[in-house]
N, C-alpha and C. Protein backbone atom coordinates (compact mmCIF):
# COMPACT_ATOMS: atom_id res chain seq x y z
N UNK A 1 -2.97 -11.50 5.54
CA UNK A 1 -3.66 -10.42 6.24
C UNK A 1 -2.98 -10.12 7.57
N UNK A 2 -2.61 -11.24 8.27
CA UNK A 2 -1.94 -11.08 9.55
C UNK A 2 -0.58 -10.40 9.35
N UNK A 3 0.10 -10.70 8.21
CA UNK A 3 1.39 -10.10 7.89
C UNK A 3 1.27 -8.58 7.77
N UNK A 4 0.27 -8.13 7.01
CA UNK A 4 0.08 -6.69 6.83
C UNK A 4 -0.28 -6.00 8.15
N UNK A 5 -1.04 -6.68 8.98
CA UNK A 5 -1.39 -6.12 10.28
C UNK A 5 -0.14 -5.93 11.13
N UNK A 6 0.77 -6.90 11.05
CA UNK A 6 2.02 -6.80 11.81
C UNK A 6 2.86 -5.63 11.33
N UNK A 7 2.98 -5.47 9.99
CA UNK A 7 3.74 -4.36 9.41
C UNK A 7 3.16 -3.02 9.85
N UNK A 8 1.84 -2.91 9.82
CA UNK A 8 1.20 -1.67 10.22
C UNK A 8 1.44 -1.38 11.69
N UNK A 9 1.43 -2.42 12.51
CA UNK A 9 1.67 -2.25 13.94
C UNK A 9 3.10 -1.77 14.18
N UNK A 10 4.06 -2.37 13.46
CA UNK A 10 5.45 -1.96 13.61
C UNK A 10 5.64 -0.52 13.16
N UNK A 11 4.98 -0.17 12.07
CA UNK A 11 5.07 1.21 11.57
C UNK A 11 4.54 2.18 12.60
N UNK A 12 3.46 1.79 13.27
CA UNK A 12 2.91 2.63 14.31
C UNK A 12 3.86 2.81 15.47
N UNK A 13 4.56 1.72 15.83
CA UNK A 13 5.54 1.79 16.92
C UNK A 13 6.70 2.70 16.55
N UNK A 14 7.19 2.57 15.30
CA UNK A 14 8.31 3.40 14.85
C UNK A 14 7.92 4.86 14.84
N UNK A 15 6.71 5.16 14.33
CA UNK A 15 6.26 6.54 14.29
C UNK A 15 6.15 7.11 15.70
N UNK A 16 5.61 6.30 16.61
CA UNK A 16 5.46 6.76 17.98
C UNK A 16 6.82 7.03 18.60
N UNK A 17 7.79 6.15 18.31
CA UNK A 17 9.14 6.33 18.84
C UNK A 17 9.77 7.61 18.31
N UNK A 18 9.64 7.84 17.00
CA UNK A 18 10.22 9.05 16.41
C UNK A 18 9.57 10.30 16.99
N UNK A 19 8.24 10.25 17.19
CA UNK A 19 7.55 11.39 17.75
C UNK A 19 8.00 11.66 19.17
N UNK A 20 8.22 10.57 19.94
CA UNK A 20 8.67 10.73 21.32
C UNK A 20 10.02 11.41 21.37
N UNK A 21 10.92 10.99 20.50
CA UNK A 21 12.24 11.60 20.48
C UNK A 21 12.19 13.01 19.92
N UNK A 22 11.22 13.29 19.04
CA UNK A 22 11.09 14.64 18.50
C UNK A 22 10.82 15.64 19.62
N UNK A 23 10.16 15.17 20.68
CA UNK A 23 9.91 16.05 21.82
C UNK A 23 11.20 16.45 22.52
N UNK A 24 12.27 15.67 22.32
CA UNK A 24 13.56 15.96 22.94
C UNK A 24 14.46 16.79 22.04
N UNK A 25 13.96 17.25 20.90
CA UNK A 25 14.77 18.00 19.95
C UNK A 25 15.30 19.29 20.58
N UNK A 26 16.53 19.61 20.26
CA UNK A 26 17.19 20.82 20.76
C UNK A 26 17.51 21.72 19.58
N UNK A 27 17.10 22.98 19.66
CA UNK A 27 17.37 23.95 18.60
C UNK A 27 18.41 24.94 19.11
N UNK A 28 19.49 25.08 18.35
CA UNK A 28 20.57 25.99 18.72
C UNK A 28 20.78 27.03 17.62
N UNK A 29 21.17 28.21 18.03
CA UNK A 29 21.57 29.25 17.07
C UNK A 29 23.08 29.14 16.83
N UNK A 30 23.48 29.21 15.58
CA UNK A 30 24.90 29.34 15.27
C UNK A 30 25.37 30.74 15.67
N UNK A 31 26.63 30.84 16.07
CA UNK A 31 27.28 32.13 16.25
C UNK A 31 28.56 32.13 15.43
N UNK A 32 29.10 33.31 15.18
CA UNK A 32 30.34 33.33 14.42
C UNK A 32 31.44 32.66 15.24
N UNK A 33 32.30 31.95 14.54
CA UNK A 33 33.43 31.34 15.24
C UNK A 33 34.30 32.41 15.87
N UNK A 34 34.39 33.57 15.23
CA UNK A 34 35.18 34.67 15.77
C UNK A 34 34.68 35.08 17.15
N UNK A 35 33.35 35.23 17.30
CA UNK A 35 32.78 35.62 18.59
C UNK A 35 32.98 34.53 19.63
N UNK A 36 32.76 33.28 19.22
CA UNK A 36 32.92 32.15 20.13
C UNK A 36 34.37 32.07 20.63
N UNK A 37 35.32 32.12 19.71
CA UNK A 37 36.73 32.02 20.07
C UNK A 37 37.14 33.17 20.99
N UNK A 38 36.74 34.38 20.65
CA UNK A 38 37.12 35.55 21.44
C UNK A 38 36.56 35.46 22.86
N UNK A 39 35.32 34.98 23.00
CA UNK A 39 34.73 34.82 24.33
C UNK A 39 35.45 33.74 25.12
N UNK A 40 35.75 32.62 24.46
CA UNK A 40 36.45 31.52 25.14
C UNK A 40 37.82 31.97 25.63
N UNK A 41 38.47 32.82 24.86
CA UNK A 41 39.82 33.28 25.20
C UNK A 41 39.81 34.50 26.12
N UNK A 42 38.61 35.06 26.37
CA UNK A 42 38.50 36.23 27.23
C UNK A 42 39.14 37.46 26.62
N UNK A 43 39.08 37.58 25.30
CA UNK A 43 39.71 38.72 24.63
C UNK A 43 38.88 39.98 24.82
N UNK A 44 39.54 41.07 25.13
CA UNK A 44 38.84 42.34 25.30
C UNK A 44 38.33 42.87 23.97
N UNK A 45 39.10 42.66 22.91
CA UNK A 45 38.69 43.08 21.57
C UNK A 45 38.60 41.84 20.69
N UNK A 46 37.41 41.54 20.21
CA UNK A 46 37.18 40.31 19.44
C UNK A 46 37.97 40.32 18.14
N UNK A 47 38.49 39.16 17.80
CA UNK A 47 39.18 39.01 16.51
C UNK A 47 38.78 37.69 15.88
N UNK A 48 39.12 37.55 14.61
CA UNK A 48 38.86 36.31 13.90
C UNK A 48 40.19 35.64 13.60
N UNK A 49 40.45 34.48 14.23
CA UNK A 49 41.74 33.83 14.03
C UNK A 49 41.88 33.13 12.68
N UNK A 50 40.79 33.08 11.91
CA UNK A 50 40.77 32.28 10.69
C UNK A 50 40.94 33.07 9.40
N UNK A 51 40.72 34.39 9.46
CA UNK A 51 40.84 35.22 8.26
C UNK A 51 41.66 36.46 8.58
N UNK A 52 42.17 37.13 7.54
CA UNK A 52 43.17 38.18 7.72
C UNK A 52 42.83 39.41 6.89
N UNK A 53 43.44 40.53 7.26
CA UNK A 53 43.30 41.78 6.51
C UNK A 53 44.70 42.35 6.28
N UNK A 54 44.81 43.27 5.32
CA UNK A 54 46.08 43.90 5.03
C UNK A 54 46.50 44.83 6.17
N UNK A 55 47.78 44.79 6.50
CA UNK A 55 48.35 45.70 7.50
C UNK A 55 49.81 45.89 7.14
N UNK A 56 50.14 47.08 6.62
CA UNK A 56 51.46 47.31 6.05
C UNK A 56 52.60 47.12 7.05
N UNK A 57 52.33 47.35 8.34
CA UNK A 57 53.39 47.28 9.33
C UNK A 57 53.46 45.93 10.04
N UNK A 58 52.63 44.96 9.63
CA UNK A 58 52.58 43.67 10.31
C UNK A 58 53.72 42.76 9.83
N UNK A 59 54.31 42.05 10.77
CA UNK A 59 55.36 41.09 10.42
C UNK A 59 54.76 39.69 10.33
N UNK A 60 55.45 38.80 9.65
CA UNK A 60 55.01 37.40 9.60
C UNK A 60 54.99 36.84 11.02
N UNK A 61 53.95 36.07 11.34
CA UNK A 61 53.81 35.59 12.72
C UNK A 61 52.90 34.37 12.74
N UNK A 62 52.79 33.80 13.93
CA UNK A 62 51.86 32.70 14.16
C UNK A 62 50.72 33.25 15.00
N UNK A 63 49.49 33.12 14.50
CA UNK A 63 48.32 33.70 15.14
C UNK A 63 47.85 32.90 16.34
N UNK A 64 46.75 33.36 16.97
CA UNK A 64 46.28 32.78 18.22
C UNK A 64 45.75 31.35 18.12
N UNK A 65 45.50 30.84 16.92
CA UNK A 65 45.14 29.43 16.76
C UNK A 65 46.24 28.64 16.06
N UNK A 66 47.45 29.16 16.15
CA UNK A 66 48.58 28.45 15.57
C UNK A 66 48.66 28.54 14.07
N UNK A 67 47.98 29.53 13.47
CA UNK A 67 48.00 29.70 12.02
C UNK A 67 49.11 30.67 11.64
N UNK A 68 50.08 30.21 10.90
CA UNK A 68 51.19 31.07 10.47
C UNK A 68 50.73 31.92 9.29
N UNK A 69 50.93 33.24 9.39
CA UNK A 69 50.53 34.13 8.29
C UNK A 69 51.73 34.92 7.81
N UNK A 70 51.63 35.38 6.59
CA UNK A 70 52.72 36.12 5.96
C UNK A 70 52.77 37.56 6.47
N UNK A 71 53.85 38.25 6.13
CA UNK A 71 53.99 39.65 6.50
C UNK A 71 52.93 40.50 5.81
N UNK A 72 52.67 41.66 6.40
CA UNK A 72 51.66 42.62 5.90
C UNK A 72 50.23 42.10 6.05
N UNK A 73 50.06 41.14 6.94
CA UNK A 73 48.73 40.62 7.27
C UNK A 73 48.57 40.59 8.79
N UNK A 74 47.33 40.75 9.24
CA UNK A 74 46.98 40.54 10.64
C UNK A 74 45.60 39.94 10.70
N UNK A 75 45.25 39.37 11.85
CA UNK A 75 43.91 38.81 12.00
C UNK A 75 42.85 39.92 11.91
N UNK A 76 41.73 39.59 11.27
CA UNK A 76 40.62 40.53 11.20
C UNK A 76 40.07 40.76 12.61
N UNK A 77 39.60 42.00 12.86
CA UNK A 77 39.06 42.35 14.17
C UNK A 77 37.62 42.83 14.03
N UNK A 78 36.89 42.74 15.12
CA UNK A 78 35.47 43.11 15.08
C UNK A 78 35.25 44.58 14.79
N UNK A 79 36.26 45.43 15.06
CA UNK A 79 36.10 46.86 14.80
C UNK A 79 36.60 47.28 13.43
N UNK A 80 37.04 46.32 12.61
CA UNK A 80 37.37 46.63 11.22
C UNK A 80 36.09 46.94 10.44
N UNK A 81 36.19 47.75 9.43
CA UNK A 81 35.02 48.12 8.64
C UNK A 81 34.43 46.89 7.93
N UNK A 82 33.12 46.86 7.81
CA UNK A 82 32.45 45.75 7.12
C UNK A 82 32.95 45.56 5.70
N UNK A 83 33.31 46.67 5.05
CA UNK A 83 33.72 46.60 3.64
C UNK A 83 35.17 46.15 3.47
N UNK A 84 35.87 45.87 4.57
CA UNK A 84 37.28 45.48 4.49
C UNK A 84 37.43 44.15 3.77
N UNK A 85 38.28 44.07 2.75
CA UNK A 85 38.54 42.78 2.09
C UNK A 85 39.25 41.84 3.07
N UNK A 86 38.96 40.55 2.97
CA UNK A 86 39.64 39.58 3.81
C UNK A 86 40.45 38.61 2.95
N UNK A 87 41.49 38.05 3.57
CA UNK A 87 42.42 37.19 2.85
C UNK A 87 42.73 35.96 3.68
N UNK A 88 43.37 34.98 3.02
CA UNK A 88 43.83 33.83 3.78
C UNK A 88 45.23 34.11 4.32
N UNK A 89 45.81 33.15 5.02
CA UNK A 89 47.10 33.36 5.69
C UNK A 89 48.25 33.55 4.71
N UNK A 90 48.03 33.20 3.45
CA UNK A 90 49.05 33.38 2.42
C UNK A 90 48.88 34.68 1.65
N UNK A 91 47.86 35.46 2.01
CA UNK A 91 47.64 36.72 1.33
C UNK A 91 46.73 36.63 0.13
N UNK A 92 46.10 35.47 -0.08
CA UNK A 92 45.19 35.33 -1.22
C UNK A 92 43.81 35.85 -0.83
N UNK A 93 43.20 36.66 -1.70
CA UNK A 93 41.91 37.26 -1.41
C UNK A 93 40.82 36.20 -1.31
N UNK A 94 39.94 36.38 -0.32
CA UNK A 94 38.75 35.54 -0.20
C UNK A 94 37.59 36.25 -0.89
N UNK A 95 36.60 35.50 -1.34
CA UNK A 95 35.56 36.09 -2.20
C UNK A 95 34.45 36.82 -1.45
N UNK A 96 34.81 37.54 -0.39
CA UNK A 96 33.80 38.25 0.38
C UNK A 96 34.48 39.31 1.23
N UNK A 97 33.70 40.26 1.71
CA UNK A 97 34.21 41.26 2.65
C UNK A 97 34.08 40.71 4.07
N UNK A 98 34.67 41.43 5.02
CA UNK A 98 34.58 41.01 6.41
C UNK A 98 33.13 41.03 6.88
N UNK A 99 32.37 42.05 6.48
CA UNK A 99 30.97 42.12 6.87
C UNK A 99 30.17 40.93 6.35
N UNK A 100 30.44 40.53 5.12
CA UNK A 100 29.74 39.37 4.56
C UNK A 100 30.16 38.09 5.29
N UNK A 101 31.44 37.98 5.58
CA UNK A 101 31.95 36.80 6.30
C UNK A 101 31.28 36.66 7.67
N UNK A 102 31.23 37.75 8.41
CA UNK A 102 30.65 37.72 9.75
C UNK A 102 29.12 37.74 9.72
N UNK A 103 28.54 37.96 8.55
CA UNK A 103 27.08 38.02 8.43
C UNK A 103 26.42 36.67 8.26
N UNK A 104 27.19 35.61 8.16
CA UNK A 104 26.60 34.27 8.05
C UNK A 104 25.83 33.95 9.33
N UNK A 105 24.77 33.16 9.20
CA UNK A 105 23.91 32.88 10.35
C UNK A 105 23.17 31.57 10.10
N UNK A 106 22.52 31.09 11.14
CA UNK A 106 21.75 29.86 10.96
C UNK A 106 21.33 29.25 12.28
N UNK A 107 20.56 28.19 12.17
CA UNK A 107 20.13 27.40 13.32
C UNK A 107 20.38 25.94 13.03
N UNK A 108 20.42 25.15 14.08
CA UNK A 108 20.58 23.71 13.92
C UNK A 108 19.67 23.00 14.91
N UNK A 109 19.01 21.97 14.43
CA UNK A 109 18.10 21.18 15.27
C UNK A 109 18.69 19.79 15.47
N UNK A 110 18.82 19.39 16.74
CA UNK A 110 19.38 18.10 17.10
C UNK A 110 18.28 17.23 17.68
N UNK A 111 18.02 16.09 17.04
CA UNK A 111 16.95 15.20 17.49
C UNK A 111 17.51 13.81 17.77
N UNK A 112 17.54 13.40 19.06
CA UNK A 112 18.04 12.06 19.40
C UNK A 112 17.20 10.98 18.75
N UNK A 113 17.84 9.87 18.38
CA UNK A 113 17.15 8.72 17.79
C UNK A 113 17.27 7.52 18.72
N UNK A 114 16.37 6.59 18.55
CA UNK A 114 16.28 5.46 19.47
C UNK A 114 17.52 4.57 19.46
N UNK A 115 18.33 4.63 18.38
CA UNK A 115 19.52 3.79 18.31
C UNK A 115 20.76 4.47 18.89
N UNK A 116 20.59 5.66 19.51
CA UNK A 116 21.71 6.37 20.11
C UNK A 116 22.35 7.38 19.19
N UNK A 117 21.96 7.40 17.92
CA UNK A 117 22.47 8.41 16.99
C UNK A 117 21.63 9.67 17.12
N UNK A 118 21.92 10.67 16.31
CA UNK A 118 21.19 11.93 16.40
C UNK A 118 21.02 12.53 15.01
N UNK A 119 19.79 12.90 14.68
CA UNK A 119 19.53 13.59 13.43
C UNK A 119 19.86 15.06 13.60
N UNK A 120 20.59 15.62 12.66
CA UNK A 120 21.01 17.01 12.73
C UNK A 120 20.60 17.72 11.44
N UNK A 121 19.82 18.79 11.60
CA UNK A 121 19.37 19.58 10.46
C UNK A 121 19.84 21.01 10.66
N UNK A 122 20.72 21.48 9.79
CA UNK A 122 21.24 22.84 9.86
C UNK A 122 20.62 23.68 8.76
N UNK A 123 20.09 24.84 9.14
CA UNK A 123 19.53 25.80 8.18
C UNK A 123 20.42 27.04 8.21
N UNK A 124 21.03 27.35 7.07
CA UNK A 124 22.08 28.37 7.01
C UNK A 124 21.76 29.44 5.97
N UNK A 125 22.19 30.65 6.24
CA UNK A 125 22.00 31.78 5.31
C UNK A 125 23.21 32.70 5.41
N UNK A 126 23.35 33.55 4.39
CA UNK A 126 24.45 34.49 4.38
C UNK A 126 25.79 33.86 4.05
N UNK A 127 25.76 32.68 3.45
CA UNK A 127 27.00 32.02 3.05
C UNK A 127 27.48 32.56 1.71
N UNK A 128 28.68 32.16 1.32
CA UNK A 128 29.20 32.51 0.00
C UNK A 128 28.34 31.81 -1.06
N UNK A 129 27.71 32.54 -1.98
CA UNK A 129 26.90 31.89 -3.01
C UNK A 129 27.69 30.82 -3.76
N UNK A 130 27.12 29.63 -3.82
CA UNK A 130 27.74 28.47 -4.47
C UNK A 130 29.06 28.06 -3.81
N UNK A 131 29.28 28.53 -2.58
CA UNK A 131 30.52 28.21 -1.87
C UNK A 131 30.53 26.78 -1.35
N UNK A 132 31.72 26.23 -1.20
CA UNK A 132 31.90 24.87 -0.70
C UNK A 132 32.08 24.91 0.82
N UNK A 133 31.33 24.07 1.51
CA UNK A 133 31.33 24.04 2.97
C UNK A 133 31.34 22.60 3.47
N UNK A 134 31.63 22.46 4.75
CA UNK A 134 31.48 21.16 5.41
C UNK A 134 31.14 21.38 6.88
N UNK A 135 30.56 20.35 7.49
CA UNK A 135 30.21 20.40 8.91
C UNK A 135 31.06 19.37 9.66
N UNK A 136 31.69 19.84 10.73
CA UNK A 136 32.53 18.98 11.56
C UNK A 136 32.05 19.02 13.01
N UNK A 137 32.46 18.03 13.75
CA UNK A 137 32.18 17.98 15.18
C UNK A 137 33.45 18.28 15.95
N UNK A 138 33.37 19.28 16.85
CA UNK A 138 34.47 19.56 17.77
C UNK A 138 34.39 18.59 18.95
N UNK A 139 35.54 18.13 19.40
CA UNK A 139 35.61 17.28 20.59
C UNK A 139 36.43 18.03 21.64
N UNK A 140 35.74 18.84 22.45
CA UNK A 140 36.42 19.65 23.46
C UNK A 140 36.96 18.81 24.61
N UNK A 141 36.50 17.58 24.73
CA UNK A 141 36.96 16.71 25.81
C UNK A 141 38.28 16.02 25.48
N UNK A 142 38.85 16.33 24.31
CA UNK A 142 40.14 15.76 23.92
C UNK A 142 41.20 16.85 23.89
N UNK A 143 42.42 16.49 24.17
CA UNK A 143 43.52 17.45 24.19
C UNK A 143 44.67 16.92 23.34
N UNK A 144 44.97 17.58 22.20
CA UNK A 144 44.31 18.80 21.71
C UNK A 144 42.90 18.51 21.21
N UNK A 145 42.12 19.57 21.04
CA UNK A 145 40.75 19.42 20.54
C UNK A 145 40.77 18.71 19.20
N UNK A 146 39.92 17.69 19.07
CA UNK A 146 39.86 16.91 17.83
C UNK A 146 38.65 17.32 17.00
N UNK A 147 38.72 17.02 15.72
CA UNK A 147 37.63 17.35 14.80
C UNK A 147 37.34 16.14 13.93
N UNK A 148 36.06 15.77 13.84
CA UNK A 148 35.65 14.65 13.00
C UNK A 148 34.47 15.07 12.14
N UNK A 149 34.28 14.45 10.97
CA UNK A 149 33.11 14.76 10.15
C UNK A 149 31.84 14.57 10.97
N UNK A 150 30.90 15.49 10.84
CA UNK A 150 29.70 15.46 11.68
C UNK A 150 28.90 14.18 11.49
N UNK A 151 28.93 13.62 10.28
CA UNK A 151 28.18 12.39 10.03
C UNK A 151 28.98 11.14 10.39
N UNK A 152 30.22 11.32 10.83
CA UNK A 152 31.05 10.21 11.25
C UNK A 152 31.76 9.48 10.14
N UNK A 153 31.36 9.73 8.88
CA UNK A 153 31.92 8.96 7.75
C UNK A 153 32.45 9.84 6.62
N UNK A 154 32.15 11.14 6.66
CA UNK A 154 32.53 12.09 5.61
C UNK A 154 31.81 11.82 4.29
N UNK A 155 30.72 11.07 4.33
CA UNK A 155 29.94 10.85 3.10
C UNK A 155 28.96 11.98 2.83
N UNK A 156 28.46 12.60 3.90
CA UNK A 156 27.40 13.59 3.73
C UNK A 156 27.69 14.92 4.41
N UNK A 157 28.91 15.13 4.88
CA UNK A 157 29.17 16.35 5.66
C UNK A 157 29.59 17.54 4.79
N UNK A 158 29.85 17.33 3.50
CA UNK A 158 30.23 18.42 2.60
C UNK A 158 29.05 18.83 1.73
N UNK A 159 28.95 20.12 1.42
CA UNK A 159 27.83 20.61 0.62
C UNK A 159 28.18 21.95 0.00
N UNK A 160 27.38 22.35 -0.98
CA UNK A 160 27.51 23.68 -1.58
C UNK A 160 26.29 24.53 -1.23
N UNK A 161 26.53 25.78 -0.90
CA UNK A 161 25.43 26.71 -0.73
C UNK A 161 24.79 26.98 -2.09
N UNK A 162 23.54 27.42 -2.07
CA UNK A 162 22.90 27.72 -3.35
C UNK A 162 23.31 29.12 -3.84
N UNK A 163 22.73 29.55 -4.94
CA UNK A 163 23.14 30.82 -5.56
C UNK A 163 22.81 32.02 -4.68
N UNK A 164 21.92 31.84 -3.70
CA UNK A 164 21.59 32.94 -2.77
C UNK A 164 22.43 32.88 -1.49
N UNK A 165 23.26 31.85 -1.36
CA UNK A 165 24.05 31.71 -0.15
C UNK A 165 23.32 31.01 0.97
N UNK A 166 22.28 30.25 0.64
CA UNK A 166 21.51 29.51 1.63
C UNK A 166 21.81 28.01 1.52
N UNK A 167 21.54 27.29 2.58
CA UNK A 167 21.70 25.84 2.55
C UNK A 167 20.90 25.22 3.69
N UNK A 168 20.33 24.05 3.42
CA UNK A 168 19.73 23.21 4.46
C UNK A 168 20.40 21.86 4.37
N UNK A 169 21.02 21.45 5.47
CA UNK A 169 21.81 20.22 5.48
C UNK A 169 21.21 19.27 6.51
N UNK A 170 20.94 18.04 6.09
CA UNK A 170 20.27 17.06 6.93
C UNK A 170 21.15 15.81 6.98
N UNK A 171 21.60 15.43 8.17
CA UNK A 171 22.45 14.25 8.30
C UNK A 171 22.25 13.61 9.66
N UNK A 172 22.86 12.45 9.85
CA UNK A 172 22.77 11.74 11.12
C UNK A 172 24.17 11.61 11.71
N UNK A 173 24.31 12.06 12.96
CA UNK A 173 25.56 11.88 13.70
C UNK A 173 25.51 10.53 14.40
N UNK A 174 26.64 9.80 14.46
CA UNK A 174 26.61 8.47 15.06
C UNK A 174 26.30 8.46 16.55
N UNK A 175 26.43 9.59 17.22
CA UNK A 175 26.12 9.67 18.65
C UNK A 175 25.54 11.04 18.97
N UNK A 176 24.87 11.15 20.11
CA UNK A 176 24.29 12.43 20.50
C UNK A 176 25.38 13.39 20.95
N UNK A 177 25.18 14.66 20.64
CA UNK A 177 26.16 15.67 21.01
C UNK A 177 25.85 16.23 22.39
N UNK A 178 26.89 16.55 23.15
CA UNK A 178 26.76 17.14 24.48
C UNK A 178 27.57 18.43 24.52
N UNK A 179 27.71 19.01 25.71
CA UNK A 179 28.51 20.23 25.86
C UNK A 179 29.99 19.98 25.58
N UNK A 180 30.38 18.73 25.55
CA UNK A 180 31.76 18.39 25.17
C UNK A 180 32.01 18.54 23.68
N UNK A 181 30.95 18.78 22.93
CA UNK A 181 31.04 18.84 21.47
C UNK A 181 30.52 20.18 20.96
N UNK A 182 30.69 20.40 19.68
CA UNK A 182 30.07 21.54 18.99
C UNK A 182 29.96 21.19 17.52
N UNK A 183 29.08 21.89 16.85
CA UNK A 183 28.92 21.73 15.40
C UNK A 183 29.63 22.91 14.74
N UNK A 184 30.57 22.61 13.87
CA UNK A 184 31.44 23.62 13.28
C UNK A 184 31.22 23.69 11.77
N UNK A 185 30.96 24.89 11.27
CA UNK A 185 30.84 25.13 9.83
C UNK A 185 32.18 25.61 9.30
N UNK A 186 32.71 24.88 8.31
CA UNK A 186 34.00 25.21 7.71
C UNK A 186 33.78 25.66 6.27
N UNK A 187 34.34 26.83 5.93
CA UNK A 187 34.30 27.32 4.55
C UNK A 187 35.59 26.91 3.86
N UNK A 188 35.46 26.33 2.66
CA UNK A 188 36.62 25.89 1.90
C UNK A 188 36.89 26.90 0.78
N UNK A 189 37.89 27.76 1.00
CA UNK A 189 38.14 28.85 0.06
C UNK A 189 38.78 28.37 -1.24
N UNK A 190 39.21 27.10 -1.29
CA UNK A 190 39.73 26.55 -2.55
C UNK A 190 38.63 25.94 -3.39
N UNK A 191 37.39 25.97 -2.88
CA UNK A 191 36.25 25.44 -3.63
C UNK A 191 36.21 23.93 -3.70
N UNK A 192 37.00 23.25 -2.85
CA UNK A 192 37.08 21.80 -2.90
C UNK A 192 36.58 21.17 -1.60
N UNK A 193 35.88 20.05 -1.71
CA UNK A 193 35.52 19.27 -0.53
C UNK A 193 36.74 18.50 -0.06
N UNK A 194 36.94 18.43 1.24
CA UNK A 194 38.13 17.77 1.79
C UNK A 194 37.78 16.49 2.54
N UNK A 195 36.55 16.03 2.41
CA UNK A 195 36.16 14.76 2.99
C UNK A 195 36.32 14.72 4.50
N UNK A 196 37.10 13.77 4.98
CA UNK A 196 37.25 13.58 6.41
C UNK A 196 38.18 14.56 7.09
N UNK A 197 38.88 15.39 6.31
CA UNK A 197 39.78 16.39 6.88
C UNK A 197 39.22 17.78 6.62
N UNK A 198 39.56 18.71 7.50
CA UNK A 198 39.07 20.08 7.30
C UNK A 198 39.82 20.79 6.18
N UNK A 199 41.08 20.45 5.97
CA UNK A 199 41.92 21.16 5.03
C UNK A 199 43.03 21.88 5.79
N UNK A 200 43.68 22.84 5.14
CA UNK A 200 44.75 23.61 5.79
C UNK A 200 44.10 24.84 6.42
N UNK A 201 44.05 24.85 7.75
CA UNK A 201 43.31 25.89 8.46
C UNK A 201 43.96 27.25 8.22
N UNK A 202 43.10 28.21 7.86
CA UNK A 202 43.57 29.56 7.58
C UNK A 202 44.06 29.76 6.17
N UNK A 203 44.23 28.67 5.44
CA UNK A 203 44.71 28.74 4.05
C UNK A 203 43.60 28.37 3.08
N UNK A 204 43.07 27.15 3.18
CA UNK A 204 41.95 26.78 2.32
C UNK A 204 40.74 26.30 3.12
N UNK A 205 40.83 26.34 4.43
CA UNK A 205 39.71 25.97 5.30
C UNK A 205 39.62 26.99 6.44
N UNK A 206 38.40 27.50 6.67
CA UNK A 206 38.22 28.60 7.62
C UNK A 206 36.97 28.35 8.45
N UNK A 207 37.12 28.32 9.77
CA UNK A 207 35.99 28.14 10.68
C UNK A 207 35.11 29.39 10.62
N UNK A 208 33.84 29.22 10.29
CA UNK A 208 32.98 30.39 10.12
C UNK A 208 31.89 30.48 11.19
N UNK A 209 31.17 29.39 11.43
CA UNK A 209 30.09 29.38 12.42
C UNK A 209 30.26 28.19 13.35
N UNK A 210 29.69 28.30 14.55
CA UNK A 210 29.76 27.21 15.52
C UNK A 210 28.51 27.24 16.39
N UNK A 211 28.07 26.06 16.81
CA UNK A 211 26.94 25.94 17.75
C UNK A 211 27.31 24.86 18.75
N UNK A 212 27.24 25.20 20.04
CA UNK A 212 27.62 24.26 21.09
C UNK A 212 26.45 24.00 22.03
N UNK A 213 26.07 22.75 22.21
CA UNK A 213 24.99 22.44 23.16
C UNK A 213 25.34 22.92 24.56
N UNK A 214 24.34 23.33 25.31
CA UNK A 214 24.57 23.85 26.67
C UNK A 214 24.82 22.69 27.64
C-alpha cells in the first residue's frame, strides 16, 4: 500500500513539473525561408535561393547561398507569378508551382522540460501531398552556420505529409532552442529521407519554412 502511495506521489510531482514547464511554452509562426533569407540579406526584391525558374537568357552561375545552377535558370523571385513552375538547380521540375511552394505555413510550440531538453510540436499545412520532409536545427552561432537533426539523433526528424499536405510532428530536442538557433523545414524533392544530413541543397533538398526564437 505504501508502495502505491509513493508511485502516486511521484506521478503527482511529475505532472506538476510538466504543467509548470508548460507555462513556459513558446509558440512561433513559421515563415517562408525565402522571406527570412531575403530579410537577413537586406534584399530589396525578395528571392528564393533554394528553387529556380526558367530564364532563357540566364547563364550557369552560383546563387546567393552557394548553390550552383545550370544555364537557363535563375532563382525564383517574389514577383514571379504564382503559377510559375519551379525547378531544382539541375533543371528538374519540382512537383508544385511557386505559389504552392510559398504557400506552406505552420506553427511550432516549444516546451522546455525539466531535464534541459525541449519538446517541439510542429503543425504544418500547405505542404506537398505525401511529400518527404525533415526538420533541422540551424546553429547561427557557428561559422559557417551548422545544421543538425532537430531531435539530435535523426531517428524522428523525417516525416511524410499526408494526402492533404498536412503534418503534425512531435519530437524532443536535446537542448532548449534560443535566438542562436532556428527550426528549419527541408523538402526532399527526391522523395527520400536523408537522416542526419539535409541532402544536396538546391538539388534534392530545399529549405522551405523556418521559425527562429526571439
